[in-house]
Every structure is written in structure tokens, then in C-alpha cells.
């Protein structure tokens, strides 16, 4: 049980499911990155889609992690 009732913004948004990957190298790919929220306090308005770019870092992405993000709003 989760007493704090936190969820990832992907799973609580209803807009997207968690991405298959947030990092991909020549030897590993998987979802390692999350933003945790308390859904009873925040609404997820939009989620930035995560796009597979092949092995990273590369010429378009200097990091070994893909960017994730969301637009959030406090519930009134």
C-alpha cells in the first residue's frame, strides 16, 4: 500500500501510459525516469511525449536520458 498516494504523472494523467523507454544505449533500453505527483492535489493537463531517438547520447540529444515533462495544475 502507498500511504502517500503518489503516482507517476504518466499513470495518473489518463492521457498516456508510462513510456517503454526514457534511456537507450547500445546495451540497454528502459524506463528509468519518473515524475511523482499526488493526484488528489494535482491535475495533469498535458504530457510531453517521449520519442525514441535510437541510442543516446547522439547529435540531437546530448544526454543519455530522454526529456520527460508535464503541465500540472493545483486542484482547487
PDB file of N, CA and C in Angstrom:
ATOM      1  N   UNK A   1       0.840  -1.180   0.000  1.00  0.00           N
ATOM      2  CA  UNK A   1       0.000   0.000   0.000  1.00  0.00           C
ATOM      3  C   UNK A   1       0.881   1.237   0.000  1.00  0.00           C
ATOM      4  N   UNK A   2       0.374   2.292  -0.595  1.00  0.00           N
ATOM      5  CA  UNK A   2       1.104   3.538  -0.734  1.00  0.00           C
ATOM      6  C   UNK A   2       0.424   4.600   0.138  1.00  0.00           C
ATOM      7  N   UNK A   3       0.894   4.829   1.385  1.00  0.00           N
ATOM      8  CA  UNK A   3       0.200   5.756   2.281  1.00  0.00           C
ATOM      9  C   UNK A   3       0.201   7.193   1.789  1.00  0.00           C
ATOM     10  N   UNK A   4       1.172   7.581   0.996  1.00  0.00           N
ATOM     11  CA  UNK A   4       1.217   8.954   0.484  1.00  0.00           C
ATOM     12  C   UNK A   4       0.361   9.115  -0.765  1.00  0.00           C
ATOM     13  N   UNK A   5      -0.113   8.022  -1.334  1.00  0.00           N
ATOM     14  CA  UNK A   5      -0.948   8.053  -2.540  1.00  0.00           C
ATOM     15  C   UNK A   5      -0.269   8.784  -3.690  1.00  0.00           C
ATOM     16  N   UNK A   6       1.015   8.508  -3.898  1.00  0.00           N
ATOM     17  CA  UNK A   6       1.696   9.134  -5.022  1.00  0.00           C
ATOM     18  C   UNK A   6       1.639   8.201  -6.227  1.00  0.00           C
ATOM     19  N   UNK A   7       1.624   8.820  -7.411  1.00  0.00           N
ATOM     20  CA  UNK A   7       1.638   8.090  -8.669  1.00  0.00           C
ATOM     21  C   UNK A   7       2.531   8.848  -9.626  1.00  0.00           C
ATOM     22  N   UNK A   8       2.953   8.176 -10.678  1.00  0.00           N
ATOM     23  CA  UNK A   8       3.692   8.910 -11.701  1.00  0.00           C
ATOM     24  C   UNK A   8       2.702   9.743 -12.498  1.00  0.00           C
ATOM     25  N   UNK A   9       3.160  10.853 -13.028  1.00  0.00           N
ATOM     26  CA  UNK A   9       2.243  11.704 -13.779  1.00  0.00           C
ATOM     27  C   UNK A   9       1.749  11.007 -15.034  1.00  0.00           C
ATOM     28  N   UNK A  10       2.535  10.080 -15.590  1.00  0.00           N
ATOM     29  CA  UNK A  10       2.065   9.336 -16.754  1.00  0.00           C
ATOM     30  C   UNK A  10       0.839   8.508 -16.391  1.00  0.00           C
ATOM     31  N   UNK A  11       0.913   7.744 -15.313  1.00  0.00           N
ATOM     32  CA  UNK A  11      -0.175   6.832 -14.971  1.00  0.00           C
ATOM     33  C   UNK A  11      -1.396   7.564 -14.446  1.00  0.00           C
ATOM     34  N   UNK A  12      -1.232   8.743 -13.867  1.00  0.00           N
ATOM     35  CA  UNK A  12      -2.381   9.450 -13.314  1.00  0.00           C
ATOM     36  C   UNK A  12      -3.008  10.422 -14.303  1.00  0.00           C
ATOM     37  N   UNK A  13      -2.395  10.615 -15.466  1.00  0.00           N
ATOM     38  CA  UNK A  13      -2.906  11.618 -16.391  1.00  0.00           C
ATOM     39  C   UNK A  13      -4.117  11.136 -17.169  1.00  0.00           C
ATOM     40  N   UNK A  14      -4.208   9.833 -17.434  1.00  0.00           N
ATOM     41  CA  UNK A  14      -5.256   9.346 -18.318  1.00  0.00           C
ATOM     42  C   UNK A  14      -4.958   9.674 -19.773  1.00  0.00           C
ATOM     43  N   UNK A  15      -3.882  10.440 -20.010  1.00  0.00           N
ATOM     44  CA  UNK A  15      -3.517  10.842 -21.368  1.00  0.00           C
ATOM     45  C   UNK A  15      -2.527   9.875 -21.995  1.00  0.00           C
ATOM     46  N   UNK A  16      -1.664   9.335 -21.181  1.00  0.00           N
ATOM     47  CA  UNK A  16      -0.577   8.489 -21.684  1.00  0.00           C
ATOM     48  C   UNK A  16      -0.295   7.388 -20.674  1.00  0.00           C
ATOM     49  N   UNK A  17       0.253   6.327 -21.151  1.00  0.00           N
ATOM     50  CA  UNK A  17       0.790   5.319 -20.242  1.00  0.00           C
ATOM     51  C   UNK A  17       2.274   5.602 -20.074  1.00  0.00           C
ATOM     52  N   UNK A  18       2.900   4.946 -19.137  1.00  0.00           N
ATOM     53  CA  UNK A  18       4.319   5.159 -18.933  1.00  0.00           C
ATOM     54  C   UNK A  18       5.079   4.755 -20.186  1.00  0.00           C
ATOM     55  N   UNK A  19       6.109   5.502 -20.557  1.00  0.00           N
ATOM     56  CA  UNK A  19       6.847   5.174 -21.779  1.00  0.00           C
ATOM     57  C   UNK A  19       7.637   3.874 -21.626  1.00  0.00           C
ATOM     58  N   UNK A  20       7.848   3.201 -22.731  1.00  0.00           N
ATOM     59  CA  UNK A  20       8.674   1.994 -22.708  1.00  0.00           C
ATOM     60  C   UNK A  20      10.122   2.335 -22.382  1.00  0.00           C
ATOM     61  N   UNK A  21      10.559   3.502 -22.849  1.00  0.00           N
ATOM     62  CA  UNK A  21      11.951   3.883 -22.625  1.00  0.00           C
ATOM     63  C   UNK A  21      12.055   5.352 -22.236  1.00  0.00           C
ATOM     64  N   UNK A  22      13.011   5.661 -21.380  1.00  0.00           N
ATOM     65  CA  UNK A  22      13.461   7.043 -21.168  1.00  0.00           C
ATOM     66  C   UNK A  22      14.975   7.110 -21.307  1.00  0.00           C
ATOM     67  N   UNK A  23      15.582   5.957 -21.532  1.00  0.00           N
ATOM     68  CA  UNK A  23      17.014   5.897 -21.835  1.00  0.00           C
ATOM     69  C   UNK A  23      17.259   4.727 -22.774  1.00  0.00           C
ATOM     70  N   UNK A  24      18.180   4.914 -23.705  1.00  0.00           N
ATOM     71  CA  UNK A  24      18.553   3.842 -24.636  1.00  0.00           C
ATOM     72  C   UNK A  24      20.021   4.005 -24.983  1.00  0.00           C
ATOM     73  N   UNK A  25      20.772   2.995 -24.670  1.00  0.00           N
ATOM     74  CA  UNK A  25      22.180   2.970 -25.057  1.00  0.00           C
ATOM     75  C   UNK A  25      22.378   1.789 -25.999  1.00  0.00           C
ATOM     76  N   UNK A  26      23.594   1.514 -26.344  1.00  0.00           N
ATOM     77  CA  UNK A  26      23.856   0.380 -27.226  1.00  0.00           C
ATOM     78  C   UNK A  26      23.556  -0.947 -26.538  1.00  0.00           C
ATOM     79  N   UNK A  27      23.555  -0.971 -25.194  1.00  0.00           N
ATOM     80  CA  UNK A  27      23.378  -2.234 -24.478  1.00  0.00           C
ATOM     81  C   UNK A  27      22.146  -2.291 -23.571  1.00  0.00           C
ATOM     82  N   UNK A  28      21.404  -1.185 -23.408  1.00  0.00           N
ATOM     83  CA  UNK A  28      20.257  -1.169 -22.508  1.00  0.00           C
ATOM     84  C   UNK A  28      19.219  -0.191 -22.993  1.00  0.00           C
ATOM     85  N   UNK A  29      17.954  -0.534 -22.829  1.00  0.00           N
ATOM     86  CA  UNK A  29      16.870   0.438 -23.003  1.00  0.00           C
ATOM     87  C   UNK A  29      15.804   0.134 -21.969  1.00  0.00           C
ATOM     88  N   UNK A  30      15.223   1.189 -21.413  1.00  0.00           N
ATOM     89  CA  UNK A  30      14.181   1.013 -20.414  1.00  0.00           C
ATOM     90  C   UNK A  30      13.703   2.339 -19.871  1.00  0.00           C
ATOM     91  N   UNK A  31      12.690   2.273 -19.036  1.00  0.00           N
ATOM     92  CA  UNK A  31      12.127   3.467 -18.402  1.00  0.00           C
ATOM     93  C   UNK A  31      12.743   3.616 -17.018  1.00  0.00           C
ATOM     94  N   UNK A  32      13.597   4.632 -16.853  1.00  0.00           N
ATOM     95  CA  UNK A  32      14.267   4.895 -15.580  1.00  0.00           C
ATOM     96  C   UNK A  32      13.828   6.207 -14.944  1.00  0.00           C
ATOM     97  N   UNK A  33      13.118   7.039 -15.689  1.00  0.00           N
ATOM     98  CA  UNK A  33      12.831   8.403 -15.237  1.00  0.00           C
ATOM     99  C   UNK A  33      11.338   8.586 -14.979  1.00  0.00           C
ATOM    100  N   UNK A  34      11.026   9.200 -13.855  1.00  0.00           N
ATOM    101  CA  UNK A  34       9.641   9.409 -13.443  1.00  0.00           C
ATOM    102  C   UNK A  34       9.506  10.766 -12.769  1.00  0.00           C
ATOM    103  N   UNK A  35       8.316  11.331 -12.826  1.00  0.00           N
ATOM    104  CA  UNK A  35       7.947  12.476 -12.001  1.00  0.00           C
ATOM    105  C   UNK A  35       6.767  11.994 -11.165  1.00  0.00           C
ATOM    106  N   UNK A  36       6.922  12.050  -9.855  1.00  0.00           N
ATOM    107  CA  UNK A  36       5.893  11.569  -8.943  1.00  0.00           C
ATOM    108  C   UNK A  36       5.024  12.730  -8.492  1.00  0.00           C
ATOM    109  N   UNK A  37       3.702  12.499  -8.440  1.00  0.00           N
ATOM    110  CA  UNK A  37       2.761  13.534  -8.001  1.00  0.00           C
ATOM    111  C   UNK A  37       1.759  12.926  -7.014  1.00  0.00           C
ATOM    112  N   UNK A  38       1.054  13.794  -6.337  1.00  0.00           N
ATOM    113  CA  UNK A  38      -0.075  13.369  -5.510  1.00  0.00           C
ATOM    114  C   UNK A  38      -1.344  13.734  -6.279  1.00  0.00           C
ATOM    115  N   UNK A  39      -2.012  12.749  -6.895  1.00  0.00           N
ATOM    116  CA  UNK A  39      -3.138  13.044  -7.774  1.00  0.00           C
ATOM    117  C   UNK A  39      -4.319  13.723  -7.084  1.00  0.00           C
ATOM    118  N   UNK A  40      -4.447  13.585  -5.762  1.00  0.00           N
ATOM    119  CA  UNK A  40      -5.548  14.277  -5.083  1.00  0.00           C
ATOM    120  C   UNK A  40      -5.270  15.778  -4.938  1.00  0.00           C
ATOM    121  N   UNK A  41      -4.044  16.206  -5.231  1.00  0.00           N
ATOM    122  CA  UNK A  41      -3.689  17.625  -5.144  1.00  0.00           C
ATOM    123  C   UNK A  41      -3.383  18.256  -6.498  1.00  0.00           C
ATOM    124  N   UNK A  42      -3.049  17.444  -7.512  1.00  0.00           N
ATOM    125  CA  UNK A  42      -2.630  17.977  -8.813  1.00  0.00           C
ATOM    126  C   UNK A  42      -3.392  17.326  -9.954  1.00  0.00           C
ATOM    127  N   UNK A  43      -3.710  18.124 -10.966  1.00  0.00           N
ATOM    128  CA  UNK A  43      -4.244  17.622 -12.230  1.00  0.00           C
ATOM    129  C   UNK A  43      -3.129  17.633 -13.259  1.00  0.00           C
ATOM    130  N   UNK A  44      -3.063  16.596 -14.067  1.00  0.00           N
ATOM    131  CA  UNK A  44      -2.130  16.558 -15.187  1.00  0.00           C
ATOM    132  C   UNK A  44      -2.884  17.076 -16.403  1.00  0.00           C
ATOM    133  N   UNK A  45      -2.441  18.212 -16.934  1.00  0.00           N
ATOM    134  CA  UNK A  45      -3.114  18.829 -18.072  1.00  0.00           C
ATOM    135  C   UNK A  45      -2.567  18.339 -19.401  1.00  0.00           C
ATOM    136  N   UNK A  46      -1.280  18.084 -19.450  1.00  0.00           N
ATOM    137  CA  UNK A  46      -0.648  17.659 -20.696  1.00  0.00           C
ATOM    138  C   UNK A  46       0.654  16.939 -20.351  1.00  0.00           C
ATOM    139  N   UNK A  47       1.059  16.043 -21.235  1.00  0.00           N
ATOM    140  CA  UNK A  47       2.293  15.284 -21.058  1.00  0.00           C
ATOM    141  C   UNK A  47       3.133  15.439 -22.317  1.00  0.00           C
ATOM    142  N   UNK A  48       4.416  15.736 -22.139  1.00  0.00           N
ATOM    143  CA  UNK A  48       5.324  15.797 -23.285  1.00  0.00           C
ATOM    144  C   UNK A  48       5.589  14.372 -23.758  1.00  0.00           C
ATOM    145  N   UNK A  49       5.314  14.070 -25.034  1.00  0.00           N
ATOM    146  CA  UNK A  49       5.563  12.700 -25.500  1.00  0.00           C
ATOM    147  C   UNK A  49       7.048  12.369 -25.511  1.00  0.00           C
ATOM    148  N   UNK A  50       7.372  11.141 -25.163  1.00  0.00           N
ATOM    149  CA  UNK A  50       8.750  10.660 -25.175  1.00  0.00           C
ATOM    150  C   UNK A  50       8.957   9.940 -26.496  1.00  0.00           C
ATOM    151  N   UNK A  51       9.928  10.393 -27.266  1.00  0.00           N
ATOM    152  CA  UNK A  51      10.174   9.818 -28.589  1.00  0.00           C
ATOM    153  C   UNK A  51      11.507   9.085 -28.603  1.00  0.00           C
ATOM    154  N   UNK A  52      11.455   7.833 -29.037  1.00  0.00           N
ATOM    155  CA  UNK A  52      12.679   7.033 -29.160  1.00  0.00           C
ATOM    156  C   UNK A  52      13.570   7.647 -30.224  1.00  0.00           C
ATOM    157  N   UNK A  53      14.809   7.904 -29.893  1.00  0.00           N
ATOM    158  CA  UNK A  53      15.764   8.519 -30.813  1.00  0.00           C
ATOM    159  C   UNK A  53      16.909   7.577 -31.143  1.00  0.00           C
ATOM    160  N   UNK A  54      16.735   6.283 -30.872  1.00  0.00           N
ATOM    161  CA  UNK A  54      17.839   5.355 -31.068  1.00  0.00           C
ATOM    162  C   UNK A  54      18.832   5.513 -29.934  1.00  0.00           C
ATOM    163  N   UNK A  55      20.002   4.914 -30.058  1.00  0.00           N
ATOM    164  CA  UNK A  55      20.994   5.029 -28.982  1.00  0.00           C
ATOM    165  C   UNK A  55      21.353   6.485 -28.683  1.00  0.00           C
ATOM    166  N   UNK A  56      21.401   6.818 -27.415  1.00  0.00           N
ATOM    167  CA  UNK A  56      21.756   8.173 -26.988  1.00  0.00           C
ATOM    168  C   UNK A  56      22.878   8.075 -25.955  1.00  0.00           C
ATOM    169  N   UNK A  57      23.688   9.100 -25.798  1.00  0.00           N
ATOM    170  CA  UNK A  57      23.638  10.389 -26.465  1.00  0.00           C
ATOM    171  C   UNK A  57      23.948  10.285 -27.959  1.00  0.00           C
ATOM    172  N   UNK A  58      23.431  11.275 -28.681  1.00  0.00           N
ATOM    173  CA  UNK A  58      23.687  11.374 -30.119  1.00  0.00           C
ATOM    174  C   UNK A  58      23.739  12.847 -30.502  1.00  0.00           C
ATOM    175  N   UNK A  59      23.760  13.140 -31.791  1.00  0.00           N
ATOM    176  CA  UNK A  59      23.910  14.534 -32.232  1.00  0.00           C
ATOM    177  C   UNK A  59      22.688  15.398 -31.895  1.00  0.00           C
ATOM    178  N   UNK A  60      21.510  14.798 -31.671  1.00  0.00           N
ATOM    179  CA  UNK A  60      20.320  15.579 -31.317  1.00  0.00           C
ATOM    180  C   UNK A  60      20.065  15.628 -29.808  1.00  0.00           C
ATOM    181  N   UNK A  61      20.609  14.679 -29.058  1.00  0.00           N
ATOM    182  CA  UNK A  61      20.355  14.616 -27.625  1.00  0.00           C
ATOM    183  C   UNK A  61      21.673  14.316 -26.916  1.00  0.00           C
ATOM    184  N   UNK A  62      22.169  15.315 -26.186  1.00  0.00           N
ATOM    185  CA  UNK A  62      23.478  15.182 -25.537  1.00  0.00           C
ATOM    186  C   UNK A  62      23.436  14.336 -24.267  1.00  0.00           C
ATOM    187  N   UNK A  63      22.239  14.027 -23.779  1.00  0.00           N
ATOM    188  CA  UNK A  63      22.102  13.250 -22.546  1.00  0.00           C
ATOM    189  C   UNK A  63      21.841  11.785 -22.874  1.00  0.00           C
ATOM    190  N   UNK A  64      22.080  10.919 -21.890  1.00  0.00           N
ATOM    191  CA  UNK A  64      21.719   9.516 -22.074  1.00  0.00           C
ATOM    192  C   UNK A  64      20.312   9.234 -21.547  1.00  0.00           C
ATOM    193  N   UNK A  65      19.555  10.292 -21.250  1.00  0.00           N
ATOM    194  CA  UNK A  65      18.144  10.184 -20.855  1.00  0.00           C
ATOM    195  C   UNK A  65      17.314  11.097 -21.736  1.00  0.00           C
ATOM    196  N   UNK A  66      16.141  10.625 -22.143  1.00  0.00           N
ATOM    197  CA  UNK A  66      15.227  11.427 -22.938  1.00  0.00           C
ATOM    198  C   UNK A  66      14.463  12.380 -22.028  1.00  0.00           C
ATOM    199  N   UNK A  67      14.118  13.568 -22.534  1.00  0.00           N
ATOM    200  CA  UNK A  67      13.388  14.519 -21.689  1.00  0.00           C
ATOM    201  C   UNK A  67      11.965  14.029 -21.424  1.00  0.00           C
ATOM    202  N   UNK A  68      11.517  14.226 -20.178  1.00  0.00           N
ATOM    203  CA  UNK A  68      10.123  13.968 -19.816  1.00  0.00           C
ATOM    204  C   UNK A  68       9.580  15.221 -19.174  1.00  0.00           C
ATOM    205  N   UNK A  69       8.284  15.422 -19.231  1.00  0.00           N
ATOM    206  CA  UNK A  69       7.699  16.603 -18.608  1.00  0.00           C
ATOM    207  C   UNK A  69       6.197  16.609 -18.730  1.00  0.00           C
ATOM    208  N   UNK A  70       5.584  17.473 -17.958  1.00  0.00           N
ATOM    209  CA  UNK A  70       4.125  17.593 -17.959  1.00  0.00           C
ATOM    210  C   UNK A  70       3.730  18.986 -17.520  1.00  0.00           C
ATOM    211  N   UNK A  71       2.529  19.393 -17.906  1.00  0.00           N
ATOM    212  CA  UNK A  71       1.923  20.602 -17.403  1.00  0.00           C
ATOM    213  C   UNK A  71       0.966  20.186 -16.290  1.00  0.00           C
ATOM    214  N   UNK A  72       1.184  20.742 -15.098  1.00  0.00           N
ATOM    215  CA  UNK A  72       0.399  20.382 -13.921  1.00  0.00           C
ATOM    216  C   UNK A  72      -0.354  21.595 -13.410  1.00  0.00           C
ATOM    217  N   UNK A  73      -1.476  21.357 -12.731  1.00  0.00           N
ATOM    218  CA  UNK A  73      -2.236  22.441 -12.099  1.00  0.00           C
ATOM    219  C   UNK A  73      -2.730  21.951 -10.747  1.00  0.00           C
ATOM    220  N   UNK A  74      -2.664  22.839  -9.753  1.00  0.00           N
ATOM    221  CA  UNK A  74      -3.211  22.501  -8.457  1.00  0.00           C
ATOM    222  C   UNK A  74      -4.721  22.396  -8.541  1.00  0.00           C
ATOM    223  N   UNK A  75      -5.295  21.439  -7.841  1.00  0.00           N
ATOM    224  CA  UNK A  75      -6.751  21.340  -7.761  1.00  0.00           C
ATOM    225  C   UNK A  75      -7.248  22.390  -6.790  1.00  0.00           C
ATOM    226  N   UNK A  76      -8.425  22.957  -7.104  1.00  0.00           N
ATOM    227  CA  UNK A  76      -8.952  23.987  -6.195  1.00  0.00           C
ATOM    228  C   UNK A  76      -9.848  23.405  -5.148  1.00  0.00           C
TER     229      UNK A  76
END
